[in-house]
Amino acid sequence: MEEENDTEATCVCIVCGKGLCTSHIKELELPVSVGQPPNVKRLPKGLPRIMCHYCFDQTIEDGFD
């Protein structure tokens, strides 16, 4: 809709809930650890998280200021 195209949403932003097409997503991979200290192990594959460009920019900017 931002570019006046009518494209079906393929996913949803986890922050704002906006429906997104595949060309307007940002994917973050959150690391996953298992176990209890001192035996904590990071799994080789994280959890994918899908965000819109706006929420991604706001989250990254706010998180590292």
PDB file of N, CA and C in Angstrom:
ATOM      1  N   MET A   1       0.817  -1.191   0.000  1.00  0.00           N
ATOM      2  CA  MET A   1       0.000   0.000   0.000  1.00  0.00           C
ATOM      3  C   MET A   1       0.863   1.259   0.000  1.00  0.00           C
ATOM      4  N   GLU A   2       2.050   1.188   0.645  1.00  0.00           N
ATOM      5  CA  GLU A   2       2.926   2.352   0.686  1.00  0.00           C
ATOM      6  C   GLU A   2       3.363   2.779  -0.709  1.00  0.00           C
ATOM      7  N   GLU A   3       3.513   1.801  -1.615  1.00  0.00           N
ATOM      8  CA  GLU A   3       3.939   2.096  -2.983  1.00  0.00           C
ATOM      9  C   GLU A   3       2.781   2.023  -3.966  1.00  0.00           C
ATOM     10  N   GLU A   4       1.554   2.047  -3.448  1.00  0.00           N
ATOM     11  CA  GLU A   4       0.328   1.962  -4.234  1.00  0.00           C
ATOM     12  C   GLU A   4       0.239   0.688  -5.049  1.00  0.00           C
ATOM     13  N   ASN A   5       0.754  -0.422  -4.500  1.00  0.00           N
ATOM     14  CA  ASN A   5       0.617  -1.739  -5.103  1.00  0.00           C
ATOM     15  C   ASN A   5      -0.329  -2.557  -4.242  1.00  0.00           C
ATOM     16  N   ASP A   6      -1.054  -3.440  -4.881  1.00  0.00           N
ATOM     17  CA  ASP A   6      -1.970  -4.314  -4.150  1.00  0.00           C
ATOM     18  C   ASP A   6      -1.354  -5.704  -4.102  1.00  0.00           C
ATOM     19  N   THR A   7      -0.580  -5.961  -3.054  1.00  0.00           N
ATOM     20  CA  THR A   7       0.116  -7.235  -2.891  1.00  0.00           C
ATOM     21  C   THR A   7      -0.378  -7.917  -1.632  1.00  0.00           C
ATOM     22  N   GLU A   8      -0.552  -9.229  -1.687  1.00  0.00           N
ATOM     23  CA  GLU A   8      -1.020  -9.967  -0.521  1.00  0.00           C
ATOM     24  C   GLU A   8       0.056 -10.023   0.560  1.00  0.00           C
ATOM     25  N   ALA A   9      -0.374  -9.951   1.803  1.00  0.00           N
ATOM     26  CA  ALA A   9       0.547 -10.082   2.921  1.00  0.00           C
ATOM     27  C   ALA A   9       0.960 -11.549   3.055  1.00  0.00           C
ATOM     28  N   THR A  10       2.234 -11.754   3.344  1.00  0.00           N
ATOM     29  CA  THR A  10       2.746 -13.112   3.529  1.00  0.00           C
ATOM     30  C   THR A  10       3.172 -13.359   4.968  1.00  0.00           C
ATOM     31  N   CYS A  11       3.277 -12.291   5.764  1.00  0.00           N
ATOM     32  CA  CYS A  11       3.651 -12.417   7.170  1.00  0.00           C
ATOM     33  C   CYS A  11       3.163 -11.182   7.919  1.00  0.00           C
ATOM     34  N   VAL A  12       3.373 -11.189   9.230  1.00  0.00           N
ATOM     35  CA  VAL A  12       2.895 -10.108  10.091  1.00  0.00           C
ATOM     36  C   VAL A  12       4.055  -9.624  10.947  1.00  0.00           C
ATOM     37  N   CYS A  13       4.189  -8.310  11.109  1.00  0.00           N
ATOM     38  CA  CYS A  13       5.210  -7.733  11.981  1.00  0.00           C
ATOM     39  C   CYS A  13       4.901  -8.124  13.424  1.00  0.00           C
ATOM     40  N   ILE A  14       5.917  -8.628  14.150  1.00  0.00           N
ATOM     41  CA  ILE A  14       5.694  -9.076  15.528  1.00  0.00           C
ATOM     42  C   ILE A  14       5.509  -7.919  16.500  1.00  0.00           C
ATOM     43  N   VAL A  15       5.824  -6.699  16.077  1.00  0.00           N
ATOM     44  CA  VAL A  15       5.705  -5.546  16.966  1.00  0.00           C
ATOM     45  C   VAL A  15       4.368  -4.834  16.763  1.00  0.00           C
ATOM     46  N   CYS A  16       4.082  -4.393  15.538  1.00  0.00           N
ATOM     47  CA  CYS A  16       2.877  -3.587  15.301  1.00  0.00           C
ATOM     48  C   CYS A  16       1.711  -4.371  14.709  1.00  0.00           C
ATOM     49  N   GLY A  17       1.967  -5.588  14.204  1.00  0.00           N
ATOM     50  CA  GLY A  17       0.895  -6.406  13.655  1.00  0.00           C
ATOM     51  C   GLY A  17       0.523  -6.087  12.222  1.00  0.00           C
ATOM     52  N   LYS A  18       1.289  -5.226  11.572  1.00  0.00           N
ATOM     53  CA  LYS A  18       1.006  -4.864  10.187  1.00  0.00           C
ATOM     54  C   LYS A  18       1.278  -6.059   9.271  1.00  0.00           C
ATOM     55  N   GLY A  19       0.379  -6.308   8.308  1.00  0.00           N
ATOM     56  CA  GLY A  19       0.586  -7.352   7.309  1.00  0.00           C
ATOM     57  C   GLY A  19       1.654  -6.899   6.322  1.00  0.00           C
ATOM     58  N   LEU A  20       2.579  -7.782   6.000  1.00  0.00           N
ATOM     59  CA  LEU A  20       3.711  -7.422   5.146  1.00  0.00           C
ATOM     60  C   LEU A  20       3.849  -8.367   3.965  1.00  0.00           C
ATOM     61  N   CYS A  21       4.236  -7.801   2.824  1.00  0.00           N
ATOM     62  CA  CYS A  21       4.612  -8.643   1.698  1.00  0.00           C
ATOM     63  C   CYS A  21       6.102  -8.966   1.839  1.00  0.00           C
ATOM     64  N   THR A  22       6.583  -9.906   1.078  1.00  0.00           N
ATOM     65  CA  THR A  22       7.961 -10.367   1.248  1.00  0.00           C
ATOM     66  C   THR A  22       9.009  -9.306   0.924  1.00  0.00           C
ATOM     67  N   SER A  23       8.663  -8.285   0.172  1.00  0.00           N
ATOM     68  CA  SER A  23       9.654  -7.257  -0.150  1.00  0.00           C
ATOM     69  C   SER A  23       9.740  -6.162   0.920  1.00  0.00           C
ATOM     70  N   HIS A  24       8.871  -6.200   1.929  1.00  0.00           N
ATOM     71  CA  HIS A  24       8.875  -5.171   2.974  1.00  0.00           C
ATOM     72  C   HIS A  24       9.116  -5.738   4.367  1.00  0.00           C
ATOM     73  N   ILE A  25       9.932  -6.772   4.471  1.00  0.00           N
ATOM     74  CA  ILE A  25      10.195  -7.365   5.779  1.00  0.00           C
ATOM     75  C   ILE A  25      11.660  -7.218   6.168  1.00  0.00           C
ATOM     76  N   LYS A  26      11.894  -7.237   7.446  1.00  0.00           N
ATOM     77  CA  LYS A  26      13.236  -7.346   8.018  1.00  0.00           C
ATOM     78  C   LYS A  26      13.192  -8.572   8.913  1.00  0.00           C
ATOM     79  N   GLU A  27      14.134  -9.461   8.739  1.00  0.00           N
ATOM     80  CA  GLU A  27      14.160 -10.674   9.548  1.00  0.00           C
ATOM     81  C   GLU A  27      15.343 -10.639  10.505  1.00  0.00           C
ATOM     82  N   LEU A  28      15.044 -10.842  11.764  1.00  0.00           N
ATOM     83  CA  LEU A  28      16.069 -10.936  12.800  1.00  0.00           C
ATOM     84  C   LEU A  28      16.106 -12.368  13.294  1.00  0.00           C
ATOM     85  N   GLU A  29      17.281 -12.834  13.627  1.00  0.00           N
ATOM     86  CA  GLU A  29      17.378 -14.157  14.215  1.00  0.00           C
ATOM     87  C   GLU A  29      17.796 -13.995  15.667  1.00  0.00           C
ATOM     88  N   LEU A  30      16.902 -14.360  16.568  1.00  0.00           N
ATOM     89  CA  LEU A  30      17.195 -14.257  17.989  1.00  0.00           C
ATOM     90  C   LEU A  30      17.908 -15.525  18.456  1.00  0.00           C
ATOM     91  N   PRO A  31      19.027 -15.376  19.151  1.00  0.00           N
ATOM     92  CA  PRO A  31      19.751 -16.553  19.623  1.00  0.00           C
ATOM     93  C   PRO A  31      18.949 -17.305  20.687  1.00  0.00           C
ATOM     94  N   VAL A  32      19.131 -18.613  20.704  1.00  0.00           N
ATOM     95  CA  VAL A  32      18.446 -19.461  21.669  1.00  0.00           C
ATOM     96  C   VAL A  32      19.489 -20.243  22.459  1.00  0.00           C
ATOM     97  N   SER A  33      19.374 -20.197  23.770  1.00  0.00           N
ATOM     98  CA  SER A  33      20.274 -20.941  24.647  1.00  0.00           C
ATOM     99  C   SER A  33      19.467 -21.945  25.454  1.00  0.00           C
ATOM    100  N   VAL A  34      20.082 -23.083  25.738  1.00  0.00           N
ATOM    101  CA  VAL A  34      19.433 -24.111  26.553  1.00  0.00           C
ATOM    102  C   VAL A  34      20.368 -24.518  27.685  1.00  0.00           C
ATOM    103  N   GLY A  35      19.794 -25.040  28.729  1.00  0.00           N
ATOM    104  CA  GLY A  35      20.577 -25.501  29.859  1.00  0.00           C
ATOM    105  C   GLY A  35      20.548 -24.508  31.001  1.00  0.00           C
ATOM    106  N   GLN A  36      21.208 -24.876  32.071  1.00  0.00           N
ATOM    107  CA  GLN A  36      21.290 -24.016  33.240  1.00  0.00           C
ATOM    108  C   GLN A  36      22.754 -23.740  33.534  1.00  0.00           C
ATOM    109  N   PRO A  37      23.055 -22.544  34.053  1.00  0.00           N
ATOM    110  CA  PRO A  37      24.448 -22.207  34.351  1.00  0.00           C
ATOM    111  C   PRO A  37      25.050 -23.229  35.302  1.00  0.00           C
ATOM    112  N   PRO A  38      26.243 -23.604  35.115  1.00  0.00           N
ATOM    113  CA  PRO A  38      27.242 -23.118  34.163  1.00  0.00           C
ATOM    114  C   PRO A  38      27.229 -23.882  32.848  1.00  0.00           C
ATOM    115  N   ASN A  39      26.245 -24.734  32.617  1.00  0.00           N
ATOM    116  CA  ASN A  39      26.196 -25.573  31.412  1.00  0.00           C
ATOM    117  C   ASN A  39      25.209 -25.030  30.383  1.00  0.00           C
ATOM    118  N   VAL A  40      25.353 -23.781  30.019  1.00  0.00           N
ATOM    119  CA  VAL A  40      24.476 -23.160  29.029  1.00  0.00           C
ATOM    120  C   VAL A  40      25.093 -23.345  27.652  1.00  0.00           C
ATOM    121  N   LYS A  41      24.269 -23.769  26.717  1.00  0.00           N
ATOM    122  CA  LYS A  41      24.732 -24.005  25.353  1.00  0.00           C
ATOM    123  C   LYS A  41      23.864 -23.210  24.393  1.00  0.00           C
ATOM    124  N   ARG A  42      24.491 -22.487  23.483  1.00  0.00           N
ATOM    125  CA  ARG A  42      23.749 -21.754  22.456  1.00  0.00           C
ATOM    126  C   ARG A  42      23.491 -22.684  21.276  1.00  0.00           C
ATOM    127  N   LEU A  43      22.239 -22.744  20.866  1.00  0.00           N
ATOM    128  CA  LEU A  43      21.881 -23.589  19.729  1.00  0.00           C
ATOM    129  C   LEU A  43      22.387 -22.961  18.431  1.00  0.00           C
ATOM    130  N   PRO A  44      22.746 -23.794  17.446  1.00  0.00           N
ATOM    131  CA  PRO A  44      23.305 -23.250  16.202  1.00  0.00           C
ATOM    132  C   PRO A  44      22.312 -22.421  15.398  1.00  0.00           C
ATOM    133  N   LYS A  45      21.028 -22.696  15.560  1.00  0.00           N
ATOM    134  CA  LYS A  45      20.009 -21.962  14.813  1.00  0.00           C
ATOM    135  C   LYS A  45      19.121 -21.198  15.779  1.00  0.00           C
ATOM    136  N   GLY A  46      18.895 -19.912  15.506  1.00  0.00           N
ATOM    137  CA  GLY A  46      18.043 -19.093  16.362  1.00  0.00           C
ATOM    138  C   GLY A  46      16.597 -19.098  15.891  1.00  0.00           C
ATOM    139  N   LEU A  47      15.780 -18.290  16.555  1.00  0.00           N
ATOM    140  CA  LEU A  47      14.379 -18.138  16.186  1.00  0.00           C
ATOM    141  C   LEU A  47      14.220 -16.954  15.248  1.00  0.00           C
ATOM    142  N   PRO A  48      13.584 -17.154  14.096  1.00  0.00           N
ATOM    143  CA  PRO A  48      13.373 -16.030  13.187  1.00  0.00           C
ATOM    144  C   PRO A  48      12.262 -15.113  13.703  1.00  0.00           C
ATOM    145  N   ARG A  49      12.463 -13.825  13.592  1.00  0.00           N
ATOM    146  CA  ARG A  49      11.472 -12.818  13.978  1.00  0.00           C
ATOM    147  C   ARG A  49      11.325 -11.859  12.814  1.00  0.00           C
ATOM    148  N   ILE A  50      10.085 -11.621  12.401  1.00  0.00           N
ATOM    149  CA  ILE A  50       9.790 -10.773  11.249  1.00  0.00           C
ATOM    150  C   ILE A  50       9.274  -9.424  11.736  1.00  0.00           C
ATOM    151  N   MET A  51       9.843  -8.345  11.194  1.00  0.00           N
ATOM    152  CA  MET A  51       9.423  -6.992  11.549  1.00  0.00           C
ATOM    153  C   MET A  51       9.293  -6.146  10.288  1.00  0.00           C
ATOM    154  N   CYS A  52       8.461  -5.104  10.366  1.00  0.00           N
ATOM    155  CA  CYS A  52       8.395  -4.133   9.274  1.00  0.00           C
ATOM    156  C   CYS A  52       9.619  -3.216   9.380  1.00  0.00           C
ATOM    157  N   HIS A  53       9.909  -2.496   8.312  1.00  0.00           N
ATOM    158  CA  HIS A  53      11.081  -1.613   8.302  1.00  0.00           C
ATOM    159  C   HIS A  53      10.993  -0.560   9.405  1.00  0.00           C
ATOM    160  N   TYR A  54       9.804   0.001   9.622  1.00  0.00           N
ATOM    161  CA  TYR A  54       9.656   1.048  10.630  1.00  0.00           C
ATOM    162  C   TYR A  54       9.973   0.516  12.029  1.00  0.00           C
ATOM    163  N   CYS A  55       9.357  -0.597  12.412  1.00  0.00           N
ATOM    164  CA  CYS A  55       9.585  -1.162  13.749  1.00  0.00           C
ATOM    165  C   CYS A  55      11.031  -1.618  13.904  1.00  0.00           C
ATOM    166  N   PHE A  56      11.601  -2.185  12.857  1.00  0.00           N
ATOM    167  CA  PHE A  56      12.999  -2.612  12.901  1.00  0.00           C
ATOM    168  C   PHE A  56      13.907  -1.418  13.171  1.00  0.00           C
ATOM    169  N   ASP A  57      13.701  -0.331  12.426  1.00  0.00           N
ATOM    170  CA  ASP A  57      14.538   0.861  12.609  1.00  0.00           C
ATOM    171  C   ASP A  57      14.371   1.462  13.996  1.00  0.00           C
ATOM    172  N   GLN A  58      13.146   1.499  14.515  1.00  0.00           N
ATOM    173  CA  GLN A  58      12.900   2.050  15.840  1.00  0.00           C
ATOM    174  C   GLN A  58      13.480   1.156  16.941  1.00  0.00           C
ATOM    175  N   THR A  59      13.366  -0.138  16.787  1.00  0.00           N
ATOM    176  CA  THR A  59      13.863  -1.077  17.787  1.00  0.00           C
ATOM    177  C   THR A  59      15.378  -1.055  17.849  1.00  0.00           C
ATOM    178  N   ILE A  60      16.019  -1.114  16.698  1.00  0.00           N
ATOM    179  CA  ILE A  60      17.479  -1.109  16.662  1.00  0.00           C
ATOM    180  C   ILE A  60      18.011   0.227  17.166  1.00  0.00           C
ATOM    181  N   GLU A  61      17.409   1.325  16.755  1.00  0.00           N
ATOM    182  CA  GLU A  61      17.854   2.652  17.183  1.00  0.00           C
ATOM    183  C   GLU A  61      17.674   2.820  18.681  1.00  0.00           C
ATOM    184  N   ASP A  62      16.513   2.460  19.210  1.00  0.00           N
ATOM    185  CA  ASP A  62      16.235   2.605  20.635  1.00  0.00           C
ATOM    186  C   ASP A  62      17.075   1.647  21.486  1.00  0.00           C
ATOM    187  N   GLY A  63      17.338   0.459  20.943  1.00  0.00           N
ATOM    188  CA  GLY A  63      18.053  -0.532  21.717  1.00  0.00           C
ATOM    189  C   GLY A  63      19.539  -0.263  21.866  1.00  0.00           C
ATOM    190  N   PHE A  64      20.095   0.572  21.004  1.00  0.00           N
ATOM    191  CA  PHE A  64      21.535   0.792  21.045  1.00  0.00           C
ATOM    192  C   PHE A  64      21.927   2.242  21.304  1.00  0.00           C
ATOM    193  N   ASP A  65      20.992   3.061  21.763  1.00  0.00           N
ATOM    194  CA  ASP A  65      21.317   4.462  22.085  1.00  0.00           C
ATOM    195  C   ASP A  65      21.916   4.585  23.458  1.00  0.00           C
TER     196      ASP A  65
END
